[in-house]
């Protein structure tokens, strides 16, 4: 198969043909790395090794999907950054931030492709009618992945006209936008009080079971955006942060 990433090529060469066959411990072992789970302070995972063999330690106190992503992240380091000592905190794993040359970003991308390989993931996304938290959870369950990692992968598939926006009490906002959204639909730099996500983050309001309509100017800024509505649905991946799926109308497609 052409066009595969390094992680996807590794899976394909190991004969992985279904999501349930993605056994990360077995994959690590096949690459000369032994995995150990143990409680860890201020660290989600580490890897130490020489040119041929490594030991990966993963925080056993983390939730299951977090442990899987942390392990996949370290396999990425072993594959891409061998012979380096790396201590990965929760602020470094699964943030998908920084330059494409940043080793932590590279390991995140590798982990995403290892847990959610495109050659298995994209066909399922193409069958989906819309991207909601409910459909996202079904997809995440199929791959034993977190909502956050699955959503980012779905946005990157460019199947739906959506933006993924992360907001936190730390004041940080990051955005991933599908190429199916018109470039003129520029996401705002701040979290608008009129958005439902603002109420979830600052007033402790509950998650909605379905997307809700809100004025486009709560999320975007461009001439005339006040004349449009978008669909908004948010969830809390951890305390003090909210991730939102914003779906633009057909007229906002690229």
Protein backbone atom coordinates (compact mmCIF):
# COMPACT_ATOMS: atom_id res chain seq x y z
CA UNK A 1 0.00 0.00 0.00
CA UNK A 2 1.36 3.42 -0.99
CA UNK A 3 1.03 6.65 0.96
CA UNK A 4 1.26 5.05 4.41
CA UNK A 5 2.92 6.84 7.31
CA UNK A 6 5.75 5.15 9.20
CA UNK A 7 3.38 3.94 11.91
CA UNK A 8 0.84 2.68 9.39
CA UNK A 9 3.57 0.90 7.45
CA UNK A 10 4.68 -0.80 10.67
CA UNK A 11 1.13 -2.05 11.31
CA UNK A 12 0.67 -3.18 7.74
CA UNK A 13 3.98 -5.07 7.77
CA UNK A 14 2.90 -6.80 11.00
CA UNK A 15 -0.26 -8.00 9.27
CA UNK A 16 -2.74 -5.76 11.14
CA UNK A 17 -5.95 -5.74 9.11
CA UNK A 18 -8.59 -4.81 11.74
CA UNK A 19 -8.74 -2.35 14.67
CA UNK A 20 -8.98 -5.17 17.23
CA UNK A 21 -5.59 -6.48 16.09
CA UNK A 22 -3.70 -3.35 17.24
CA UNK A 23 -1.94 -4.88 20.28
CA UNK A 24 0.46 -2.15 21.37
CA UNK A 25 2.46 -4.26 23.81
CA UNK A 26 3.01 -6.89 21.13
CA UNK A 27 3.97 -4.19 18.63
CA UNK A 28 6.48 -2.72 21.10
CA UNK A 29 7.94 -6.20 21.72
CA UNK A 30 8.28 -6.78 17.98
CA UNK A 31 10.44 -3.64 17.86
CA UNK A 32 12.68 -4.70 20.75
CA UNK A 33 10.90 -2.78 23.53
CA UNK A 34 9.47 -4.28 26.74
CA UNK A 35 6.52 -2.48 28.37
CA UNK A 36 6.06 -2.07 32.12
CA UNK A 37 3.10 -0.40 33.84
CA UNK A 38 3.72 1.26 37.22
CA UNK A 39 2.59 4.33 39.19
CA UNK A 40 4.54 7.41 38.14
CA UNK A 41 4.71 10.94 39.56
CA UNK A 42 4.65 13.96 37.24
CA UNK A 43 5.25 11.71 34.26
CA UNK A 44 3.03 9.72 31.91
CA UNK A 45 5.69 7.57 30.29
CA UNK A 46 9.42 7.09 29.81
CA UNK A 47 11.67 5.12 27.50
CA UNK A 48 15.29 4.10 28.01
CA UNK A 49 17.34 1.88 25.76
CA UNK A 50 20.33 1.27 23.60
CA UNK A 51 20.60 0.76 19.86
CA UNK A 52 18.59 -2.49 19.89
CA UNK A 53 16.51 -2.84 23.07
CA UNK A 54 14.40 -0.55 25.25
CA UNK A 55 12.16 -0.50 28.30
CA UNK A 56 9.01 1.61 28.14
CA UNK A 57 7.37 2.55 31.44
CA UNK A 58 3.76 3.80 31.41
CA UNK A 59 1.84 5.38 34.27
CA UNK A 60 -0.53 2.69 35.55
CA UNK A 61 -2.60 5.32 37.39
CA UNK A 62 -3.85 6.85 34.14
CA UNK A 63 -7.08 5.81 32.45
CA UNK A 64 -6.99 3.02 29.88
CA UNK A 65 -7.11 5.12 26.71
CA UNK A 66 -4.49 7.47 28.15
CA UNK A 67 -2.17 4.54 28.87
CA UNK A 68 -2.62 3.30 25.30
CA UNK A 69 -1.80 6.67 23.79
CA UNK A 70 1.19 7.14 26.10
CA UNK A 71 2.51 3.72 25.09
CA UNK A 72 1.99 4.48 21.38
CA UNK A 73 3.75 7.84 21.93
CA UNK A 74 6.79 6.08 23.39
CA UNK A 75 6.83 3.53 20.56
CA UNK A 76 6.95 6.58 18.31
CA UNK A 77 9.99 7.91 20.18
CA UNK A 78 11.66 4.48 19.93
CA UNK A 79 11.00 4.39 16.20
CA UNK A 80 11.92 8.01 15.48
CA UNK A 81 14.32 9.19 18.22
CA UNK A 82 16.31 6.15 19.27
CA UNK A 83 19.23 6.51 21.75
CA UNK A 84 17.65 9.43 23.60
CA UNK A 85 16.39 9.53 27.23
CA UNK A 86 12.86 10.95 27.20
CA UNK A 87 10.53 11.73 30.12
CA UNK A 88 7.07 12.59 28.83
CA UNK A 89 4.61 14.48 31.04
CA UNK A 90 0.88 14.90 30.54
CA UNK A 91 1.63 18.34 29.06
CA UNK A 92 3.72 16.74 26.31
CA UNK A 93 1.68 13.66 25.33
CA UNK A 94 -1.45 14.07 23.26
CA UNK A 95 -1.30 17.84 22.85
CA UNK A 96 -0.53 17.81 19.10
CA UNK A 97 0.99 21.27 19.47
CA UNK A 98 4.25 22.79 18.36
CA UNK A 99 6.27 22.55 15.20
CA UNK A 100 6.22 19.48 12.99
CA UNK A 101 9.94 19.21 13.86
CA UNK A 102 9.23 18.99 17.61
CA UNK A 103 10.00 15.41 18.79
CA UNK A 104 6.92 15.39 21.05
CA UNK A 105 4.66 16.45 18.19
CA UNK A 106 6.27 13.80 15.99
CA UNK A 107 5.64 11.13 18.62
CA UNK A 108 2.03 12.29 18.98
CA UNK A 109 1.47 12.01 15.24
CA UNK A 110 3.08 8.56 15.20
CA UNK A 111 0.84 7.47 18.11
CA UNK A 112 -2.26 8.74 16.32
CA UNK A 113 -1.39 6.76 13.20
CA UNK A 114 -0.54 3.67 15.27
CA UNK A 115 -3.83 3.60 17.21
CA UNK A 116 -6.01 5.06 14.45
CA UNK A 117 -4.31 4.02 11.19
CA UNK A 118 -5.74 5.77 8.16
CA UNK A 119 -6.10 2.63 6.06
CA UNK A 120 -8.55 1.28 8.67
CA UNK A 121 -9.92 4.58 10.00
CA UNK A 122 -10.74 6.53 6.84
CA UNK A 123 -13.15 3.93 5.35
CA UNK A 124 -15.21 4.04 8.56
CA UNK A 125 -15.24 7.85 8.60
CA UNK A 126 -16.49 7.91 5.01
CA UNK A 127 -19.53 5.89 6.08
CA UNK A 128 -20.50 8.39 8.80
CA UNK A 129 -23.29 10.84 8.00
CA UNK A 130 -22.16 13.52 10.48
CA UNK A 131 -19.58 14.06 13.18
CA UNK A 132 -21.19 14.25 16.63
CA UNK A 133 -20.05 13.16 20.07
CA UNK A 134 -22.27 10.09 19.72
CA UNK A 135 -20.78 9.01 16.39
CA UNK A 136 -17.34 9.93 17.69
CA UNK A 137 -17.75 7.63 20.71
CA UNK A 138 -18.72 4.72 18.47
CA UNK A 139 -15.63 5.28 16.36
CA UNK A 140 -13.39 5.68 19.41
CA UNK A 141 -14.74 2.44 20.85
CA UNK A 142 -13.91 0.57 17.66
CA UNK A 143 -10.25 1.59 17.96
CA UNK A 144 -10.05 1.61 21.79
CA UNK A 145 -8.99 5.25 21.59
CA UNK A 146 -9.84 8.45 23.41
CA UNK A 147 -12.42 10.95 22.21
CA UNK A 148 -9.75 13.60 21.74
CA UNK A 149 -7.42 11.51 19.60
CA UNK A 150 -10.32 10.14 17.57
CA UNK A 151 -11.81 13.57 16.97
CA UNK A 152 -8.49 15.01 15.81
CA UNK A 153 -8.05 12.12 13.40
CA UNK A 154 -11.59 12.59 12.08
CA UNK A 155 -11.02 16.32 11.56
CA UNK A 156 -7.77 15.59 9.72
CA UNK A 157 -9.65 13.18 7.44
CA UNK A 158 -11.29 16.32 5.92
CA UNK A 159 -14.61 14.50 5.49
CA UNK A 160 -16.74 16.97 7.46
CA UNK A 161 -16.84 20.82 7.56
CA UNK A 162 -15.79 21.04 11.20
CA UNK A 163 -13.33 22.77 13.49
CA UNK A 164 -11.94 21.25 16.69
CA UNK A 165 -11.26 23.87 19.36
CA UNK A 166 -9.61 23.32 22.73
CA UNK A 167 -10.14 25.86 25.52
CA UNK A 168 -8.88 25.70 29.09
CA UNK A 169 -8.81 27.57 32.35
CA UNK A 170 -5.10 27.93 31.63
CA UNK A 171 -6.09 30.37 28.88
CA UNK A 172 -4.64 28.25 26.08
CA UNK A 173 -6.64 27.73 22.90
CA UNK A 174 -5.64 25.53 19.99
CA UNK A 175 -7.55 24.83 16.81
CA UNK A 176 -7.60 22.16 14.12
CA UNK A 177 -9.81 22.93 11.14
CA UNK A 178 -10.84 20.55 8.38
CA UNK A 179 -9.93 21.61 4.85
CA UNK A 180 -13.64 21.11 4.12
CA UNK A 181 -14.19 24.47 5.88
CA UNK A 182 -13.68 27.56 3.75
CA UNK A 183 -10.41 29.39 4.60
CA UNK A 184 -12.38 32.59 5.10
CA UNK A 185 -14.05 31.02 8.13
CA UNK A 186 -11.35 32.14 10.55
CA UNK A 187 -11.71 30.82 14.11
CA UNK A 188 -11.66 33.51 16.79
CA UNK A 189 -8.76 33.77 19.21
CA UNK A 190 -10.95 33.82 22.33
CA UNK A 191 -13.83 31.84 23.87
CA UNK A 192 -17.01 33.86 23.44
CA UNK A 193 -19.41 34.07 26.45
CA UNK A 194 -22.29 33.36 24.06
CA UNK A 195 -20.90 29.89 23.27
CA UNK A 196 -22.12 26.83 25.15
CA UNK A 197 -18.49 25.84 25.73
CA UNK A 198 -18.01 28.98 27.82
CA UNK A 199 -20.77 27.87 30.18
CA UNK A 200 -19.25 24.41 30.49
CA UNK A 201 -15.77 25.74 31.21
CA UNK A 202 -16.59 28.66 33.49
CA UNK A 203 -19.97 27.79 35.03
CA UNK A 204 -19.78 24.00 35.20
CA UNK A 205 -22.73 23.46 32.85
CA UNK A 206 -23.36 19.89 31.68
CA UNK A 207 -22.47 18.42 28.31
CA UNK A 208 -25.31 18.43 25.77
CA UNK A 209 -26.36 15.08 24.32
CA UNK A 210 -26.78 16.61 20.85
CA UNK A 211 -25.24 19.53 18.92
CA UNK A 212 -26.86 22.92 19.51
CA UNK A 213 -27.17 25.90 17.20
CA UNK A 214 -25.33 29.12 18.01
CA UNK A 215 -24.43 32.23 16.03
CA UNK A 216 -21.34 31.74 13.89
CA UNK A 217 -19.79 34.89 15.37
CA UNK A 218 -19.42 33.03 18.68
CA UNK A 219 -16.70 30.95 17.00
CA UNK A 220 -15.61 32.70 13.81
CA UNK A 221 -14.77 36.17 12.58
CA UNK A 222 -15.17 37.29 8.98
CA UNK A 223 -17.41 39.84 7.27
CA UNK A 224 -21.02 38.68 7.48
CA UNK A 225 -20.47 35.79 9.90
CA UNK A 226 -23.24 37.17 12.12
CA UNK A 227 -25.67 36.06 9.40
CA UNK A 228 -24.77 32.38 9.84
CA UNK A 229 -25.37 29.73 12.49
CA UNK A 230 -23.13 26.80 13.37
CA UNK A 231 -23.63 23.59 15.34
CA UNK A 232 -21.67 23.30 18.58
CA UNK A 233 -21.05 20.29 20.82
CA UNK A 234 -18.44 20.11 23.59
CA UNK A 235 -16.95 17.62 26.04
CA UNK A 236 -14.47 17.71 28.93
CA UNK A 237 -11.37 15.58 28.31
CA UNK A 238 -10.03 16.56 31.74
CA UNK A 239 -10.67 18.99 34.57
CA UNK A 240 -10.32 22.59 33.49
CA UNK A 241 -10.55 22.09 29.73
CA UNK A 242 -13.23 21.78 27.08
CA UNK A 243 -12.98 20.54 23.51
CA UNK A 244 -15.63 21.63 21.03
CA UNK A 245 -16.76 20.30 17.67
CA UNK A 246 -18.02 23.22 15.57
CA UNK A 247 -19.82 22.28 12.34
CA UNK A 248 -20.29 24.99 9.73
CA UNK A 249 -23.24 25.16 7.31
CA UNK A 250 -23.01 24.04 3.70
CA UNK A 251 -22.35 27.60 2.57
CA UNK A 252 -19.23 27.58 4.75
CA UNK A 253 -17.68 24.65 2.92
CA UNK A 254 -14.47 25.20 1.05
